[in-house]
Amino acid sequence: MAHINLLPWRERLREERKREFFTILVGVVIISAGVLFLVDRYFNGEIDIQISRNDFLRAEIVILDERVTEINQLRQQKEDIRSRMNVITNLQGTRPVIVRIFDELVNTLPDGVYYESLVRVDNTISIEGIAESYAKITELLRRLDDSEWFQESDLDDISAVDASNESLSEAFTFTLSLSLQLVSQQEEV
């Protein structure tokens, strides 16, 4: 019995352990590949979900940008309408002023003085007219200065009318300018 050979048994055990090792190794590689595949699918799925969320957000941002543009256009239209309404309100508010100006011009006009033209630019009125005498022009200027609607009346030019007009033997043409002093509606009432 001294001659028992254990080499084949050890070799078989070694071969069996090698097969088990390679089987386990192949199993681990297959499981690792499966786990990697599942992890890859999971992260790719998450990336796809995030990409779809980002696309949705971009689409919503485009819609909101259009709405913001529309809101800005509406605000601009609102401001335009508001400015037009202010102009109309100002015109409506100053409409009686024109009548009062003409009424005051008539009230301050002495006998023997005639207006030929009236030009209003902003708050300045330029008047050209004819007067029977220099004293009538002086009286007109005094009345204009006393008026609460006019201020700073200034006689720009005065000249005698040529003698070819027989109806006005001693007449003067004049040009004057004056500033409006708009009386507010509360003071007027």
Protein backbone atom coordinates (compact mmCIF):
# COMPACT_ATOMS: atom_id res chain seq x y z
CA MET A 1 0.00 0.00 0.00
CA ALA A 2 2.85 2.12 0.02
CA HIS A 3 2.44 2.64 -3.60
CA ILE A 4 -0.83 4.63 -3.85
CA ASN A 5 -0.72 7.19 -6.55
CA LEU A 6 -2.83 10.26 -5.66
CA LEU A 7 -1.86 12.33 -8.71
CA PRO A 8 -4.86 11.52 -10.91
CA TRP A 9 -7.22 12.30 -8.07
CA ARG A 10 -5.51 15.64 -7.45
CA GLU A 11 -5.53 16.41 -11.13
CA ARG A 12 -9.22 15.62 -11.37
CA LEU A 13 -9.86 17.82 -8.36
CA ARG A 14 -7.79 20.58 -9.94
CA GLU A 15 -9.65 20.17 -13.25
CA GLU A 16 -12.97 20.22 -11.43
CA ARG A 17 -12.01 23.36 -9.52
CA LYS A 18 -10.88 24.98 -12.81
CA ARG A 19 -14.25 24.16 -14.41
CA GLU A 20 -16.07 25.49 -11.37
CA PHE A 21 -13.91 28.62 -11.44
CA PHE A 22 -14.56 29.18 -15.16
CA THR A 23 -18.24 28.41 -14.69
CA ILE A 24 -18.42 30.91 -11.83
CA LEU A 25 -16.32 33.35 -13.85
CA VAL A 26 -18.63 33.02 -16.87
CA GLY A 27 -21.63 33.33 -14.56
CA VAL A 28 -20.21 36.48 -12.95
CA VAL A 29 -19.37 37.94 -16.38
CA ILE A 30 -22.89 37.16 -17.64
CA ILE A 31 -24.49 38.60 -14.48
CA SER A 32 -22.18 41.64 -14.62
CA ALA A 33 -23.03 42.17 -18.29
CA GLY A 34 -26.72 41.82 -17.42
CA VAL A 35 -26.40 44.28 -14.55
CA LEU A 36 -24.45 46.70 -16.77
CA PHE A 37 -27.08 46.32 -19.48
CA LEU A 38 -29.88 47.00 -16.99
CA VAL A 39 -28.01 49.97 -15.48
CA ASP A 40 -27.37 51.31 -19.00
CA ARG A 41 -31.05 50.87 -19.92
CA TYR A 42 -32.09 52.57 -16.67
CA PHE A 43 -29.82 55.59 -17.17
CA ASN A 44 -30.68 55.84 -20.89
CA GLY A 45 -34.35 55.75 -19.91
CA GLU A 46 -33.78 58.50 -17.34
CA ILE A 47 -31.87 60.55 -19.93
CA ASP A 48 -34.70 60.06 -22.44
CA ILE A 49 -37.24 61.14 -19.83
CA GLN A 50 -35.14 64.22 -19.01
CA ILE A 51 -34.74 65.05 -22.70
CA SER A 52 -38.51 64.83 -23.15
CA ARG A 53 -38.98 67.07 -20.10
CA ASN A 54 -36.48 69.56 -21.52
CA ASP A 55 -38.25 69.50 -24.89
CA PHE A 56 -41.57 70.08 -23.13
CA LEU A 57 -40.07 72.98 -21.17
CA ARG A 58 -38.59 74.49 -24.35
CA ALA A 59 -41.97 74.25 -26.07
CA GLU A 60 -43.64 75.89 -23.08
CA ILE A 61 -40.96 78.60 -23.00
CA VAL A 62 -41.63 79.35 -26.67
CA ILE A 63 -45.35 79.60 -25.93
CA LEU A 64 -44.69 81.86 -22.94
CA ASP A 65 -42.32 84.03 -25.01
CA GLU A 66 -45.09 84.46 -27.57
CA ARG A 67 -47.49 85.40 -24.78
CA VAL A 68 -44.99 87.86 -23.31
CA THR A 69 -44.56 89.42 -26.76
CA GLU A 70 -48.33 89.62 -27.11
CA ILE A 71 -48.63 91.16 -23.63
CA ASN A 72 -45.96 93.74 -24.50
CA GLN A 73 -47.83 94.58 -27.70
CA LEU A 74 -51.06 94.92 -25.73
CA ARG A 75 -49.30 97.17 -23.20
CA GLN A 76 -48.01 99.32 -26.05
CA GLN A 77 -51.51 99.48 -27.55
CA LYS A 78 -52.87 100.36 -24.11
CA GLU A 79 -50.34 103.20 -23.78
CA ASP A 80 -51.19 104.41 -27.30
CA ILE A 81 -54.90 104.37 -26.49
CA ARG A 82 -54.26 106.08 -23.17
CA SER A 83 -52.24 108.83 -24.87
CA ARG A 84 -55.00 109.26 -27.48
CA MET A 85 -57.57 109.46 -24.70
CA ASN A 86 -55.46 112.12 -22.98
CA VAL A 87 -55.31 114.12 -26.20
CA ILE A 88 -59.07 113.81 -26.63
CA THR A 89 -59.65 114.74 -22.99
CA ASN A 90 -57.39 117.77 -23.37
CA LEU A 91 -59.22 118.78 -26.53
CA GLN A 92 -62.56 118.33 -24.81
CA GLY A 93 -61.33 120.31 -21.82
CA THR A 94 -59.98 123.19 -23.92
CA ARG A 95 -62.93 123.33 -26.32
CA PRO A 96 -64.75 126.03 -24.36
CA VAL A 97 -61.47 127.95 -24.06
CA ILE A 98 -61.56 128.84 -27.76
CA VAL A 99 -65.03 130.30 -27.33
CA ARG A 100 -63.91 132.21 -24.25
CA ILE A 101 -60.87 133.57 -26.12
CA PHE A 102 -63.02 134.87 -28.96
CA ASP A 103 -65.55 136.25 -26.48
CA GLU A 104 -62.78 138.04 -24.59
CA LEU A 105 -61.32 139.38 -27.85
CA VAL A 106 -64.72 140.87 -28.68
CA ASN A 107 -65.18 142.28 -25.16
CA THR A 108 -61.78 143.98 -25.24
CA LEU A 109 -62.30 145.42 -28.73
CA PRO A 110 -63.06 149.17 -28.57
CA ASP A 111 -65.25 150.91 -31.16
CA GLY A 112 -63.24 151.94 -34.20
CA VAL A 113 -60.84 148.99 -34.13
CA TYR A 114 -61.19 146.05 -36.52
CA TYR A 115 -59.31 142.79 -36.65
CA GLU A 116 -58.21 141.56 -40.06
CA SER A 117 -56.48 138.33 -39.00
CA LEU A 118 -55.90 136.27 -35.88
CA VAL A 119 -53.27 133.55 -35.71
CA ARG A 120 -52.82 131.33 -32.65
CA VAL A 121 -49.64 129.31 -32.17
CA ASP A 122 -49.63 127.44 -28.85
CA ASN A 123 -50.34 130.16 -26.27
CA THR A 124 -49.46 133.16 -28.44
CA ILE A 125 -51.95 135.08 -30.56
CA SER A 126 -50.84 137.39 -33.36
CA ILE A 127 -53.38 140.00 -34.42
CA GLU A 128 -53.40 142.25 -37.46
CA GLY A 129 -55.99 144.98 -37.62
CA ILE A 130 -57.03 148.53 -38.47
CA ALA A 131 -57.85 151.32 -36.03
CA GLU A 132 -59.38 154.73 -36.64
CA SER A 133 -56.82 156.44 -34.43
CA TYR A 134 -53.72 155.82 -32.39
CA ALA A 135 -55.76 156.39 -29.22
CA LYS A 136 -58.01 153.45 -30.14
CA ILE A 137 -54.94 151.19 -30.41
CA THR A 138 -53.77 152.41 -27.00
CA GLU A 139 -57.22 151.70 -25.53
CA LEU A 140 -57.16 148.21 -27.10
CA LEU A 141 -53.77 147.47 -25.51
CA ARG A 142 -54.99 148.74 -22.15
CA ARG A 143 -58.09 146.51 -22.32
CA LEU A 144 -56.02 143.49 -23.35
CA ASP A 145 -53.66 144.07 -20.40
CA ASP A 146 -56.64 144.33 -18.02
CA SER A 147 -58.13 141.06 -19.31
CA GLU A 148 -57.64 137.95 -17.19
CA TRP A 149 -57.28 135.83 -20.34
CA PHE A 150 -54.42 137.75 -21.98
CA GLN A 151 -51.03 138.89 -20.79
CA GLU A 152 -47.92 140.48 -22.24
CA SER A 153 -49.62 142.31 -25.09
CA ASP A 154 -46.93 143.74 -27.33
CA LEU A 155 -47.48 146.13 -30.21
CA ASP A 156 -45.16 144.91 -32.96
CA ASP A 157 -45.92 147.31 -35.80
CA ILE A 158 -48.07 150.38 -36.42
CA SER A 159 -48.31 152.33 -39.63
CA ALA A 160 -50.63 154.87 -41.18
CA VAL A 161 -52.96 153.71 -43.97
CA ASP A 162 -52.28 155.32 -47.34
CA ALA A 163 -54.71 158.09 -48.33
CA SER A 164 -56.11 156.19 -51.30
CA ASN A 165 -58.83 154.73 -49.07
CA GLU A 166 -61.30 157.63 -48.65
CA SER A 167 -63.55 155.95 -46.05
CA LEU A 168 -60.71 155.92 -43.55
CA SER A 169 -59.01 159.26 -43.89
CA GLU A 170 -56.93 158.88 -40.71
CA ALA A 171 -56.41 155.16 -40.00
CA PHE A 172 -53.62 152.99 -38.72
CA THR A 173 -52.78 149.35 -39.39
CA PHE A 174 -51.25 147.51 -36.51
CA THR A 175 -49.76 144.15 -35.63
CA LEU A 176 -49.66 142.97 -32.06
CA SER A 177 -48.95 139.77 -30.23
CA LEU A 178 -50.17 138.61 -26.86
CA SER A 179 -49.88 135.57 -24.67
CA LEU A 180 -52.79 133.55 -23.36
CA GLN A 181 -53.20 133.09 -19.68
CA LEU A 182 -55.55 130.12 -19.50
CA VAL A 183 -57.92 130.50 -16.59
CA SER A 184 -58.73 127.16 -14.97
CA GLN A 185 -62.31 125.97 -14.90
CA GLN A 186 -62.55 126.30 -11.08
CA GLU A 187 -61.42 129.94 -11.13
CA GLU A 188 -63.83 130.68 -13.95
CA VAL A 189 -66.87 129.38 -12.03
